[in-house]
Amino acid sequence: MPRPGTMKLALLAAAGAFLLGSLAVPGAKPAAAADDWPAKPLNIVVGFGVGGSADRTVRALASFLPEELGQPVLVVNKQGAGSQLAATYVLQQPHDCYTVFGSALSPFLQQTILNSGATYSLDDFAFINGQWSDYDLMFTSKESPYATFKDLFTAVKANPKKVKMALIKGGSAELNIMLVMDALGIPYDNLSIVTYSGGGANRTSTAGGTTDFTIIGGDGSEGVVDLIRPLAVYRTQTHKDWKAPTVNEALKEMGAKEIPVVDGSMRGIAVSAECKKQHPERFAKLVDAVKKTLAREDVQKFLAESEIGGEYIGPEETTHRMKTAFDLYAKYQQRMAAK
């Protein structure tokens, strides 16, 4: 049996706690609001169709994130206009951090802003992580007379319109060849450009000798590895799969200045900037969940077996890369549109 006065003290304590909890500060959010998030499933809206690299990246991440967030993560595909449809949709949703944008963030967000009349800007997004960054590879056919980067561009300079380049317009390859030509002081018109709409036809044309060289994603070029001669990789470091210098090492050999290294494609996720502004604790929790997920050995094993990138570079580096690429695309926009 309780000692005399014990029940009275307990009742008084409970009443005091109730009164304290009832004294709400005007305009303040409930104390549990931040801790309770997420209280329902999250949606990641992918700007491309099912089965593509952006979709596979998001679906792989979404299958593991619930273990960190404690809620399901659903994937919704809204393809169209180079991810513009999905990006616009995400920005139109409540800024409560329950709707996430998943895409090949670069170069598609930049391109929709610069070339497709998008009403948003990069500043409307808070980038979480660029998980899978592709890099560009410059190569010729193994039968090509151009054995090195120097051989190729010496010929481009000396013989205007003779050297044929296979190119997919509007992306990183077009920007990257313009950067190289400017660094070497060679007019872009010296090249004879042959355009292709897909990576397979592009690679095949150079591997088979129809065109003299190309710049295209290194990931995905393994299928023609026995038919090509790599000349340079667009990376800050060499790549174990290709016996080729970095593009800046190749330029240095020719006495040219360095150029910025632009990602071929960067798949990742973001939320609206208003989500981060209105709910910084939710944004931080989502970032931390992504970081912890990608730090897991089982996740990295799954991604490697699925041939999906699994890098964590975080919000600051992702934002830096996005803005650097945007500035370069903006600088070269008119020249890229004219060719």
C-alpha atoms as a PDB file:
ATOM      1  CA  MET A   1       0.000   0.000   0.000  1.00  0.00           C
ATOM      2  CA  PRO A   2       1.392   3.491  -0.834  1.00  0.00           C
ATOM      3  CA  ARG A   3       2.705   5.562   2.071  1.00  0.00           C
ATOM      4  CA  PRO A   4       0.435   8.438   3.245  1.00  0.00           C
ATOM      5  CA  GLY A   5       0.846  11.424   0.947  1.00  0.00           C
ATOM      6  CA  THR A   6       2.426   9.457  -1.918  1.00  0.00           C
ATOM      7  CA  MET A   7      -0.738   9.403  -4.020  1.00  0.00           C
ATOM      8  CA  LYS A   8      -1.300  13.101  -3.391  1.00  0.00           C
ATOM      9  CA  LEU A   9       2.239  13.969  -4.528  1.00  0.00           C
ATOM     10  CA  ALA A  10       1.839  11.866  -7.659  1.00  0.00           C
ATOM     11  CA  LEU A  11      -1.415  13.592  -8.542  1.00  0.00           C
ATOM     12  CA  LEU A  12       0.117  17.019  -8.002  1.00  0.00           C
ATOM     13  CA  ALA A  13       3.123  16.130 -10.190  1.00  0.00           C
ATOM     14  CA  ALA A  14       0.871  14.884 -12.964  1.00  0.00           C
ATOM     15  CA  ALA A  15      -1.262  17.999 -12.809  1.00  0.00           C
ATOM     16  CA  GLY A  16       1.831  20.197 -12.919  1.00  0.00           C
ATOM     17  CA  ALA A  17       3.169  18.358 -15.966  1.00  0.00           C
ATOM     18  CA  PHE A  18      -0.162  18.770 -17.722  1.00  0.00           C
ATOM     19  CA  LEU A  19      -0.242  22.511 -17.008  1.00  0.00           C
ATOM     20  CA  LEU A  20       3.333  23.013 -18.195  1.00  0.00           C
ATOM     21  CA  GLY A  21       2.589  21.114 -21.393  1.00  0.00           C
ATOM     22  CA  SER A  22      -0.449  23.290 -21.987  1.00  0.00           C
ATOM     23  CA  LEU A  23       1.504  26.563 -21.883  1.00  0.00           C
ATOM     24  CA  ALA A  24       2.212  26.798 -25.619  1.00  0.00           C
ATOM     25  CA  VAL A  25       4.370  29.609 -26.965  1.00  0.00           C
ATOM     26  CA  PRO A  26       2.403  31.521 -29.643  1.00  0.00           C
ATOM     27  CA  GLY A  27       3.505  30.439 -33.134  1.00  0.00           C
ATOM     28  CA  ALA A  28       5.741  27.617 -31.864  1.00  0.00           C
ATOM     29  CA  LYS A  29       5.602  24.129 -33.375  1.00  0.00           C
ATOM     30  CA  PRO A  30       4.865  21.167 -31.095  1.00  0.00           C
ATOM     31  CA  ALA A  31       8.079  19.901 -29.531  1.00  0.00           C
ATOM     32  CA  ALA A  32       7.559  16.436 -30.998  1.00  0.00           C
ATOM     33  CA  ALA A  33       7.177  17.661 -34.598  1.00  0.00           C
ATOM     34  CA  ALA A  34      10.854  17.300 -35.512  1.00  0.00           C
ATOM     35  CA  ASP A  35      11.312  13.982 -33.700  1.00  0.00           C
ATOM     36  CA  ASP A  36       8.245  12.415 -35.282  1.00  0.00           C
ATOM     37  CA  TRP A  37       9.374  13.010 -38.865  1.00  0.00           C
ATOM     38  CA  PRO A  38       8.874  11.006 -40.957  1.00  0.00           C
ATOM     39  CA  ALA A  39       5.432   9.990 -39.745  1.00  0.00           C
ATOM     40  CA  LYS A  40       4.366   8.638 -43.133  1.00  0.00           C
ATOM     41  CA  PRO A  41       6.029   7.246 -46.291  1.00  0.00           C
ATOM     42  CA  LEU A  42       8.300   9.400 -48.422  1.00  0.00           C
ATOM     43  CA  ASN A  43       7.921   9.671 -52.199  1.00  0.00           C
ATOM     44  CA  ILE A  44      10.944   9.960 -54.473  1.00  0.00           C
ATOM     45  CA  VAL A  45       9.817  11.317 -57.834  1.00  0.00           C
ATOM     46  CA  VAL A  46      12.110  10.186 -60.656  1.00  0.00           C
ATOM     47  CA  GLY A  47      12.368  12.345 -63.760  1.00  0.00           C
ATOM     48  CA  PHE A  48      12.964   9.410 -66.104  1.00  0.00           C
ATOM     49  CA  GLY A  49      11.393   6.072 -66.957  1.00  0.00           C
ATOM     50  CA  VAL A  50      11.702   2.735 -65.214  1.00  0.00           C
ATOM     51  CA  GLY A  51      14.956   0.859 -65.806  1.00  0.00           C
ATOM     52  CA  GLY A  52      17.253   3.761 -66.655  1.00  0.00           C
ATOM     53  CA  SER A  53      20.316   4.676 -64.633  1.00  0.00           C
ATOM     54  CA  ALA A  54      18.551   7.388 -62.601  1.00  0.00           C
ATOM     55  CA  ASP A  55      15.633   5.071 -61.828  1.00  0.00           C
ATOM     56  CA  ARG A  56      17.900   2.178 -60.818  1.00  0.00           C
ATOM     57  CA  THR A  57      19.936   4.469 -58.560  1.00  0.00           C
ATOM     58  CA  VAL A  58      16.847   5.765 -56.772  1.00  0.00           C
ATOM     59  CA  ARG A  59      15.158   2.369 -56.443  1.00  0.00           C
ATOM     60  CA  ALA A  60      18.283   0.825 -54.948  1.00  0.00           C
ATOM     61  CA  LEU A  61      18.593   3.646 -52.420  1.00  0.00           C
ATOM     62  CA  ALA A  62      14.870   3.547 -51.629  1.00  0.00           C
ATOM     63  CA  SER A  63      15.028  -0.157 -50.804  1.00  0.00           C
ATOM     64  CA  PHE A  64      17.482   0.482 -47.943  1.00  0.00           C
ATOM     65  CA  LEU A  65      16.530   3.960 -46.672  1.00  0.00           C
ATOM     66  CA  PRO A  66      13.481   2.741 -44.687  1.00  0.00           C
ATOM     67  CA  GLU A  67      15.826   0.979 -42.278  1.00  0.00           C
ATOM     68  CA  GLU A  68      17.247   4.379 -41.319  1.00  0.00           C
ATOM     69  CA  LEU A  69      14.060   6.450 -41.568  1.00  0.00           C
ATOM     70  CA  GLY A  70      11.552   4.000 -40.100  1.00  0.00           C
ATOM     71  CA  GLN A  71       9.066   4.603 -42.922  1.00  0.00           C
ATOM     72  CA  PRO A  72       8.593   3.180 -46.425  1.00  0.00           C
ATOM     73  CA  VAL A  73      10.140   5.067 -49.337  1.00  0.00           C
ATOM     74  CA  LEU A  74       8.074   4.911 -52.524  1.00  0.00           C
ATOM     75  CA  VAL A  75       9.361   5.572 -56.036  1.00  0.00           C
ATOM     76  CA  VAL A  76       7.180   7.396 -58.552  1.00  0.00           C
ATOM     77  CA  ASN A  77       8.240   7.880 -62.181  1.00  0.00           C
ATOM     78  CA  LYS A  78       7.193  11.119 -63.898  1.00  0.00           C
ATOM     79  CA  GLN A  79       9.225  11.175 -67.069  1.00  0.00           C
ATOM     80  CA  GLY A  80       9.082  13.964 -69.588  1.00  0.00           C
ATOM     81  CA  ALA A  81      10.944  16.994 -70.917  1.00  0.00           C
ATOM     82  CA  GLY A  82      14.344  15.806 -69.700  1.00  0.00           C
ATOM     83  CA  SER A  83      13.208  15.613 -66.031  1.00  0.00           C
ATOM     84  CA  GLN A  84      11.496  19.034 -66.132  1.00  0.00           C
ATOM     85  CA  LEU A  85       8.061  17.517 -65.484  1.00  0.00           C
ATOM     86  CA  ALA A  86       9.221  15.767 -62.307  1.00  0.00           C
ATOM     87  CA  ALA A  87      11.254  18.732 -61.068  1.00  0.00           C
ATOM     88  CA  THR A  88       8.280  21.074 -61.460  1.00  0.00           C
ATOM     89  CA  TYR A  89       5.969  18.589 -59.744  1.00  0.00           C
ATOM     90  CA  VAL A  90       8.265  18.253 -56.720  1.00  0.00           C
ATOM     91  CA  LEU A  91       8.469  22.023 -56.272  1.00  0.00           C
ATOM     92  CA  GLN A  92       4.666  22.265 -56.372  1.00  0.00           C
ATOM     93  CA  GLN A  93       4.200  19.843 -53.450  1.00  0.00           C
ATOM     94  CA  PRO A  94       4.009  20.897 -49.784  1.00  0.00           C
ATOM     95  CA  HIS A  95       7.512  21.730 -48.564  1.00  0.00           C
ATOM     96  CA  ASP A  96       7.367  19.199 -45.733  1.00  0.00           C
ATOM     97  CA  CYS A  97      10.270  17.046 -46.983  1.00  0.00           C
ATOM     98  CA  TYR A  98       8.033  14.094 -47.810  1.00  0.00           C
ATOM     99  CA  THR A  99       8.532  14.582 -51.558  1.00  0.00           C
ATOM    100  CA  VAL A 100      12.053  14.061 -52.913  1.00  0.00           C
ATOM    101  CA  PHE A 101      13.383  14.643 -56.435  1.00  0.00           C
ATOM    102  CA  GLY A 102      15.450  11.832 -57.966  1.00  0.00           C
ATOM    103  CA  SER A 103      17.173  12.254 -61.301  1.00  0.00           C
ATOM    104  CA  ALA A 104      20.288  12.447 -63.362  1.00  0.00           C
ATOM    105  CA  LEU A 105      20.650  15.846 -61.741  1.00  0.00           C
ATOM    106  CA  SER A 106      23.425  16.981 -64.032  1.00  0.00           C
ATOM    107  CA  PRO A 107      23.293  17.852 -66.884  1.00  0.00           C
ATOM    108  CA  PHE A 108      19.495  17.680 -67.067  1.00  0.00           C
ATOM    109  CA  LEU A 109      18.555  20.316 -64.498  1.00  0.00           C
ATOM    110  CA  GLN A 110      21.011  22.738 -66.103  1.00  0.00           C
ATOM    111  CA  GLN A 111      19.698  21.970 -69.572  1.00  0.00           C
ATOM    112  CA  THR A 112      16.035  22.399 -68.634  1.00  0.00           C
ATOM    113  CA  ILE A 113      16.817  25.793 -67.098  1.00  0.00           C
ATOM    114  CA  LEU A 114      19.009  27.035 -69.953  1.00  0.00           C
ATOM    115  CA  ASN A 115      17.278  25.519 -72.961  1.00  0.00           C
ATOM    116  CA  SER A 116      13.765  24.341 -72.117  1.00  0.00           C
ATOM    117  CA  GLY A 117      12.143  27.328 -70.448  1.00  0.00           C
ATOM    118  CA  ALA A 118      11.950  25.867 -66.935  1.00  0.00           C
ATOM    119  CA  THR A 119      10.538  28.339 -64.424  1.00  0.00           C
ATOM    120  CA  TYR A 120      12.772  27.103 -61.612  1.00  0.00           C
ATOM    121  CA  SER A 121      16.466  27.704 -60.896  1.00  0.00           C
ATOM    122  CA  LEU A 122      19.140  25.611 -59.191  1.00  0.00           C
ATOM    123  CA  ASP A 123      18.558  27.688 -56.060  1.00  0.00           C
ATOM    124  CA  ASP A 124      15.052  26.236 -55.806  1.00  0.00           C
ATOM    125  CA  PHE A 125      16.604  22.876 -54.884  1.00  0.00           C
ATOM    126  CA  ALA A 126      18.511  21.690 -51.835  1.00  0.00           C
ATOM    127  CA  PHE A 127      20.807  18.943 -53.074  1.00  0.00           C
ATOM    128  CA  ILE A 128      21.311  15.946 -50.800  1.00  0.00           C
ATOM    129  CA  ASN A 129      23.769  13.714 -52.611  1.00  0.00           C
ATOM    130  CA  GLY A 130      25.172  13.069 -56.070  1.00  0.00           C
ATOM    131  CA  GLN A 131      25.465   9.330 -55.660  1.00  0.00           C
ATOM    132  CA  TRP A 132      26.583   8.151 -59.078  1.00  0.00           C
ATOM    133  CA  SER A 133      28.755  10.364 -61.237  1.00  0.00           C
ATOM    134  CA  ASP A 134      29.707   9.174 -64.687  1.00  0.00           C
ATOM    135  CA  TYR A 135      32.847  10.417 -66.402  1.00  0.00           C
ATOM    136  CA  ASP A 136      33.590  11.007 -70.058  1.00  0.00           C
ATOM    137  CA  LEU A 137      36.142   9.030 -72.048  1.00  0.00           C
ATOM    138  CA  MET A 138      37.837  10.165 -75.270  1.00  0.00           C
ATOM    139  CA  PHE A 139      38.821   7.354 -77.591  1.00  0.00           C
ATOM    140  CA  THR A 140      39.638   6.372 -81.165  1.00  0.00           C
ATOM    141  CA  SER A 141      39.515   3.045 -82.961  1.00  0.00           C
ATOM    142  CA  LYS A 142      42.429   0.682 -82.357  1.00  0.00           C
ATOM    143  CA  GLU A 143      43.098   0.946 -86.084  1.00  0.00           C
ATOM    144  CA  SER A 144      43.215   4.750 -85.996  1.00  0.00           C
ATOM    145  CA  PRO A 145      46.379   6.562 -87.113  1.00  0.00           C
ATOM    146  CA  TYR A 146      46.015   8.762 -84.017  1.00  0.00           C
ATOM    147  CA  ALA A 147      47.861   6.902 -81.297  1.00  0.00           C
ATOM    148  CA  THR A 148      47.744   9.657 -78.673  1.00  0.00           C
ATOM    149  CA  PHE A 149      45.768  12.724 -77.643  1.00  0.00           C
ATOM    150  CA  LYS A 150      48.598  14.858 -79.034  1.00  0.00           C
ATOM    151  CA  ASP A 151      48.539  13.049 -82.390  1.00  0.00           C
ATOM    152  CA  LEU A 152      44.811  13.627 -82.706  1.00  0.00           C
ATOM    153  CA  PHE A 153      44.748  17.341 -81.946  1.00  0.00           C
ATOM    154  CA  THR A 154      47.862  18.061 -83.932  1.00  0.00           C
ATOM    155  CA  ALA A 155      45.921  16.662 -86.895  1.00  0.00           C
ATOM    156  CA  VAL A 156      42.787  18.622 -85.987  1.00  0.00           C
ATOM    157  CA  LYS A 157      44.804  21.846 -85.971  1.00  0.00           C
ATOM    158  CA  ALA A 158      46.710  21.132 -89.182  1.00  0.00           C
ATOM    159  CA  ASN A 159      43.833  19.697 -91.237  1.00  0.00           C
ATOM    160  CA  PRO A 160      40.558  21.605 -90.769  1.00  0.00           C
ATOM    161  CA  LYS A 161      37.418  19.526 -91.356  1.00  0.00           C
ATOM    162  CA  LYS A 162      39.380  16.321 -91.944  1.00  0.00           C
ATOM    163  CA  VAL A 163      38.986  14.763 -88.488  1.00  0.00           C
ATOM    164  CA  LYS A 164      35.482  13.419 -87.787  1.00  0.00           C
ATOM    165  CA  MET A 165      34.072  13.388 -84.265  1.00  0.00           C
ATOM    166  CA  ALA A 166      31.029  11.321 -83.198  1.00  0.00           C
ATOM    167  CA  LEU A 167      28.921  13.434 -80.839  1.00  0.00           C
ATOM    168  CA  ILE A 168      25.665  13.376 -78.886  1.00  0.00           C
ATOM    169  CA  LYS A 169      24.633  17.005 -78.778  1.00  0.00           C
ATOM    170  CA  GLY A 170      23.615  18.988 -75.753  1.00  0.00           C
ATOM    171  CA  GLY A 171      25.437  17.079 -73.029  1.00  0.00           C
ATOM    172  CA  SER A 172      28.782  16.927 -71.311  1.00  0.00           C
ATOM    173  CA  ALA A 173      30.644  15.586 -74.377  1.00  0.00           C
ATOM    174  CA  GLU A 174      29.845  18.682 -76.420  1.00  0.00           C
ATOM    175  CA  LEU A 175      30.876  20.950 -73.566  1.00  0.00           C
ATOM    176  CA  ASN A 176      34.051  18.939 -72.943  1.00  0.00           C
ATOM    177  CA  ILE A 177      35.263  19.037 -76.554  1.00  0.00           C
ATOM    178  CA  MET A 178      34.695  22.807 -76.670  1.00  0.00           C
ATOM    179  CA  LEU A 179      36.740  23.217 -73.486  1.00  0.00           C
ATOM    180  CA  VAL A 180      39.598  21.200 -75.020  1.00  0.00           C
ATOM    181  CA  MET A 181      39.525  23.100 -78.313  1.00  0.00           C
ATOM    182  CA  ASP A 182      39.575  26.445 -76.492  1.00  0.00           C
ATOM    183  CA  ALA A 183      42.433  25.329 -74.245  1.00  0.00           C
ATOM    184  CA  LEU A 184      44.451  24.331 -77.321  1.00  0.00           C
ATOM    185  CA  GLY A 185      43.533  27.486 -79.243  1.00  0.00           C
ATOM    186  CA  ILE A 186      42.030  25.495 -82.129  1.00  0.00           C
ATOM    187  CA  PRO A 187      38.828  26.771 -83.805  1.00  0.00           C
ATOM    188  CA  TYR A 188      35.896  24.488 -83.094  1.00  0.00           C
ATOM    189  CA  ASP A 189      34.972  24.630 -86.774  1.00  0.00           C
ATOM    190  CA  ASN A 190      38.131  22.628 -87.533  1.00  0.00           C
ATOM    191  CA  LEU A 191      36.211  19.523 -86.489  1.00  0.00           C
ATOM    192  CA  SER A 192      33.812  17.648 -88.725  1.00  0.00           C
ATOM    193  CA  ILE A 193      30.946  16.735 -86.362  1.00  0.00           C
ATOM    194  CA  VAL A 194      28.790  13.657 -86.944  1.00  0.00           C
ATOM    195  CA  THR A 195      25.835  13.613 -84.529  1.00  0.00           C
ATOM    196  CA  TYR A 196      24.139  10.581 -82.996  1.00  0.00           C
ATOM    197  CA  SER A 197      21.085  10.286 -80.764  1.00  0.00           C
ATOM    198  CA  GLY A 198      22.247   7.298 -78.722  1.00  0.00           C
ATOM    199  CA  GLY A 199      25.345   5.996 -77.024  1.00  0.00           C
ATOM    200  CA  GLY A 200      25.410   2.643 -78.798  1.00  0.00           C
ATOM    201  CA  ALA A 201      25.527   4.092 -82.310  1.00  0.00           C
ATOM    202  CA  ASN A 202      27.997   6.732 -81.190  1.00  0.00           C
ATOM    203  CA  ARG A 203      30.463   4.216 -79.750  1.00  0.00           C
ATOM    204  CA  THR A 204      30.071   1.827 -82.670  1.00  0.00           C
ATOM    205  CA  SER A 205      30.806   4.515 -85.249  1.00  0.00           C
ATOM    206  CA  THR A 206      34.182   5.283 -83.681  1.00  0.00           C
ATOM    207  CA  ALA A 207      35.055   1.690 -82.742  1.00  0.00           C
ATOM    208  CA  GLY A 208      34.374   0.691 -86.342  1.00  0.00           C
ATOM    209  CA  GLY A 209      36.295   3.579 -87.871  1.00  0.00           C
ATOM    210  CA  THR A 210      33.360   5.486 -89.397  1.00  0.00           C
ATOM    211  CA  THR A 211      34.360   8.463 -87.248  1.00  0.00           C
ATOM    212  CA  ASP A 212      37.847   9.251 -85.974  1.00  0.00           C
ATOM    213  CA  PHE A 213      37.094   9.789 -82.289  1.00  0.00           C
ATOM    214  CA  THR A 214      34.390  10.419 -79.734  1.00  0.00           C
ATOM    215  CA  ILE A 215      33.842  11.606 -76.190  1.00  0.00           C
ATOM    216  CA  ILE A 216      31.220   9.601 -74.301  1.00  0.00           C
ATOM    217  CA  GLY A 217      30.577   8.043 -70.906  1.00  0.00           C
ATOM    218  CA  GLY A 218      33.347   5.742 -69.758  1.00  0.00           C
ATOM    219  CA  ASP A 219      30.789   3.648 -67.876  1.00  0.00           C
ATOM    220  CA  GLY A 220      29.088   1.850 -70.713  1.00  0.00           C
ATOM    221  CA  SER A 221      32.105   1.750 -73.018  1.00  0.00           C
ATOM    222  CA  GLU A 222      33.326  -1.603 -71.700  1.00  0.00           C
ATOM    223  CA  GLY A 223      31.453  -3.337 -74.488  1.00  0.00           C
ATOM    224  CA  VAL A 224      33.832  -1.953 -77.124  1.00  0.00           C
ATOM    225  CA  VAL A 225      36.994  -2.161 -75.032  1.00  0.00           C
ATOM    226  CA  ASP A 226      38.720  -4.551 -77.460  1.00  0.00           C
ATOM    227  CA  LEU A 227      38.041  -2.267 -80.413  1.00  0.00           C
ATOM    228  CA  ILE A 228      39.113   1.121 -79.078  1.00  0.00           C
ATOM    229  CA  ARG A 229      42.182   3.088 -77.996  1.00  0.00           C
ATOM    230  CA  PRO A 230      41.487   5.395 -75.024  1.00  0.00           C
ATOM    231  CA  LEU A 231      43.179   8.814 -75.315  1.00  0.00           C
ATOM    232  CA  ALA A 232      42.033  10.648 -72.179  1.00  0.00           C
ATOM    233  CA  VAL A 233      39.622  10.385 -69.254  1.00  0.00           C
ATOM    234  CA  TYR A 234      37.677  13.373 -67.958  1.00  0.00           C
ATOM    235  CA  ARG A 235      38.580  12.805 -64.330  1.00  0.00           C
ATOM    236  CA  THR A 236      40.907  14.358 -61.775  1.00  0.00           C
ATOM    237  CA  GLN A 237      42.686  10.983 -61.531  1.00  0.00           C
ATOM    238  CA  THR A 238      43.345   8.191 -64.002  1.00  0.00           C
ATOM    239  CA  HIS A 239      40.931   5.256 -64.110  1.00  0.00           C
ATOM    240  CA  LYS A 240      41.950   1.670 -63.457  1.00  0.00           C
ATOM    241  CA  ASP A 241      39.954   0.397 -66.447  1.00  0.00           C
ATOM    242  CA  TRP A 242      41.587   2.634 -69.055  1.00  0.00           C
ATOM    243  CA  LYS A 243      45.252   3.071 -69.936  1.00  0.00           C
ATOM    244  CA  ALA A 244      44.945   6.767 -70.625  1.00  0.00           C
ATOM    245  CA  PRO A 245      45.998  10.043 -68.986  1.00  0.00           C
ATOM    246  CA  THR A 246      43.532  12.476 -67.492  1.00  0.00           C
ATOM    247  CA  VAL A 247      42.463  15.180 -69.907  1.00  0.00           C
ATOM    248  CA  ASN A 248      44.493  17.781 -68.025  1.00  0.00           C
ATOM    249  CA  GLU A 249      47.614  15.600 -68.107  1.00  0.00           C
ATOM    250  CA  ALA A 250      47.143  15.298 -71.866  1.00  0.00           C
ATOM    251  CA  LEU A 251      46.650  19.048 -72.238  1.00  0.00           C
ATOM    252  CA  LYS A 252      49.723  19.774 -70.132  1.00  0.00           C
ATOM    253  CA  GLU A 253      51.829  17.659 -72.480  1.00  0.00           C
ATOM    254  CA  MET A 254      50.744  19.989 -75.274  1.00  0.00           C
ATOM    255  CA  GLY A 255      51.521  23.104 -73.237  1.00  0.00           C
ATOM    256  CA  ALA A 256      47.860  24.008 -72.719  1.00  0.00           C
ATOM    257  CA  LYS A 257      46.130  25.273 -69.605  1.00  0.00           C
ATOM    258  CA  GLU A 258      43.916  23.081 -67.435  1.00  0.00           C
ATOM    259  CA  ILE A 259      40.183  22.884 -67.980  1.00  0.00           C
ATOM    260  CA  PRO A 260      37.377  22.225 -65.470  1.00  0.00           C
ATOM    261  CA  VAL A 261      36.447  18.559 -65.158  1.00  0.00           C
ATOM    262  CA  VAL A 262      32.695  18.193 -65.651  1.00  0.00           C
ATOM    263  CA  ASP A 263      30.708  15.092 -64.684  1.00  0.00           C
ATOM    264  CA  GLY A 264      29.265  13.242 -67.627  1.00  0.00           C
ATOM    265  CA  SER A 265      26.088  12.575 -65.643  1.00  0.00           C
ATOM    266  CA  MET A 266      25.397  12.785 -61.918  1.00  0.00           C
ATOM    267  CA  ARG A 267      22.497  10.776 -60.535  1.00  0.00           C
ATOM    268  CA  GLY A 268      21.231  11.685 -57.109  1.00  0.00           C
ATOM    269  CA  ILE A 269      18.479  13.204 -55.009  1.00  0.00           C
ATOM    270  CA  ALA A 270      17.344  16.627 -53.833  1.00  0.00           C
ATOM    271  CA  VAL A 271      14.418  18.305 -52.113  1.00  0.00           C
ATOM    272  CA  SER A 272      12.954  21.758 -52.506  1.00  0.00           C
ATOM    273  CA  ALA A 273      15.012  24.568 -51.015  1.00  0.00           C
ATOM    274  CA  GLU A 274      11.921  25.500 -49.006  1.00  0.00           C
ATOM    275  CA  CYS A 275      11.964  22.073 -47.357  1.00  0.00           C
ATOM    276  CA  LYS A 276      15.453  22.787 -46.035  1.00  0.00           C
ATOM    277  CA  LYS A 277      14.560  26.353 -45.086  1.00  0.00           C
ATOM    278  CA  GLN A 278      11.321  25.521 -43.269  1.00  0.00           C
ATOM    279  CA  HIS A 279      12.433  22.200 -41.774  1.00  0.00           C
ATOM    280  CA  PRO A 280      16.229  22.174 -41.384  1.00  0.00           C
ATOM    281  CA  GLU A 281      16.033  19.324 -38.873  1.00  0.00           C
ATOM    282  CA  ARG A 282      14.166  17.151 -41.375  1.00  0.00           C
ATOM    283  CA  PHE A 283      16.645  17.942 -44.122  1.00  0.00           C
ATOM    284  CA  ALA A 284      19.526  17.053 -41.791  1.00  0.00           C
ATOM    285  CA  LYS A 285      17.817  13.794 -40.819  1.00  0.00           C
ATOM    286  CA  LEU A 286      17.346  12.833 -44.476  1.00  0.00           C
ATOM    287  CA  VAL A 287      20.975  13.653 -45.309  1.00  0.00           C
ATOM    288  CA  ASP A 288      22.161  11.599 -42.342  1.00  0.00           C
ATOM    289  CA  ALA A 289      19.968   8.667 -43.388  1.00  0.00           C
ATOM    290  CA  VAL A 290      21.448   8.703 -46.900  1.00  0.00           C
ATOM    291  CA  LYS A 291      24.981   8.934 -45.514  1.00  0.00           C
ATOM    292  CA  LYS A 292      24.475   6.027 -43.113  1.00  0.00           C
ATOM    293  CA  THR A 293      22.780   3.924 -45.798  1.00  0.00           C
ATOM    294  CA  LEU A 294      25.650   4.332 -48.261  1.00  0.00           C
ATOM    295  CA  ALA A 295      28.198   3.597 -45.506  1.00  0.00           C
ATOM    296  CA  ARG A 296      26.836   0.079 -45.048  1.00  0.00           C
ATOM    297  CA  GLU A 297      28.868  -2.810 -46.460  1.00  0.00           C
ATOM    298  CA  ASP A 298      25.790  -4.760 -47.548  1.00  0.00           C
ATOM    299  CA  VAL A 299      24.469  -1.740 -49.442  1.00  0.00           C
ATOM    300  CA  GLN A 300      27.780  -1.170 -51.197  1.00  0.00           C
ATOM    301  CA  LYS A 301      27.958  -4.854 -52.096  1.00  0.00           C
ATOM    302  CA  PHE A 302      24.461  -4.737 -53.582  1.00  0.00           C
ATOM    303  CA  LEU A 303      25.226  -1.567 -55.558  1.00  0.00           C
ATOM    304  CA  ALA A 304      28.484  -2.998 -56.906  1.00  0.00           C
ATOM    305  CA  GLU A 305      26.758  -6.215 -58.012  1.00  0.00           C
ATOM    306  CA  SER A 306      24.041  -4.125 -59.663  1.00  0.00           C
ATOM    307  CA  GLU A 307      26.615  -1.852 -61.361  1.00  0.00           C
ATOM    308  CA  ILE A 308      25.217   1.234 -59.644  1.00  0.00           C
ATOM    309  CA  GLY A 309      27.371   3.969 -58.153  1.00  0.00           C
ATOM    310  CA  GLY A 310      27.310   4.371 -54.382  1.00  0.00           C
ATOM    311  CA  GLU A 311      29.362   7.442 -53.509  1.00  0.00           C
ATOM    312  CA  TYR A 312      28.468   9.822 -50.700  1.00  0.00           C
ATOM    313  CA  ILE A 313      29.709  13.349 -51.421  1.00  0.00           C
ATOM    314  CA  GLY A 314      27.092  15.236 -49.430  1.00  0.00           C
ATOM    315  CA  PRO A 315      25.098  18.438 -49.963  1.00  0.00           C
ATOM    316  CA  GLU A 316      27.985  20.914 -50.242  1.00  0.00           C
ATOM    317  CA  GLU A 317      30.014  19.030 -52.853  1.00  0.00           C
ATOM    318  CA  THR A 318      26.904  18.077 -54.826  1.00  0.00           C
ATOM    319  CA  THR A 319      25.799  21.724 -54.900  1.00  0.00           C
ATOM    320  CA  HIS A 320      29.291  22.856 -55.921  1.00  0.00           C
ATOM    321  CA  ARG A 321      29.395  20.430 -58.851  1.00  0.00           C
ATOM    322  CA  MET A 322      25.898  21.372 -59.967  1.00  0.00           C
ATOM    323  CA  LYS A 323      26.666  25.092 -59.961  1.00  0.00           C
ATOM    324  CA  THR A 324      30.078  24.676 -61.607  1.00  0.00           C
ATOM    325  CA  ALA A 325      28.493  22.702 -64.437  1.00  0.00           C
ATOM    326  CA  PHE A 326      25.671  25.228 -64.743  1.00  0.00           C
ATOM    327  CA  ASP A 327      28.104  28.135 -65.121  1.00  0.00           C
ATOM    328  CA  LEU A 328      29.996  26.292 -67.848  1.00  0.00           C
ATOM    329  CA  TYR A 329      26.862  25.271 -69.752  1.00  0.00           C
ATOM    330  CA  ALA A 330      25.617  28.855 -69.509  1.00  0.00           C
ATOM    331  CA  LYS A 331      28.926  30.168 -70.863  1.00  0.00           C
ATOM    332  CA  TYR A 332      28.879  27.800 -73.854  1.00  0.00           C
ATOM    333  CA  GLN A 333      25.113  27.758 -74.365  1.00  0.00           C
ATOM    334  CA  GLN A 334      25.007  29.832 -77.558  1.00  0.00           C
ATOM    335  CA  ARG A 335      27.881  27.959 -79.170  1.00  0.00           C
ATOM    336  CA  MET A 336      26.338  24.593 -78.326  1.00  0.00           C
ATOM    337  CA  ALA A 337      22.973  25.673 -79.736  1.00  0.00           C
ATOM    338  CA  ALA A 338      24.559  26.926 -82.970  1.00  0.00           C
ATOM    339  CA  LYS A 339      26.219  23.646 -83.930  1.00  0.00           C
END
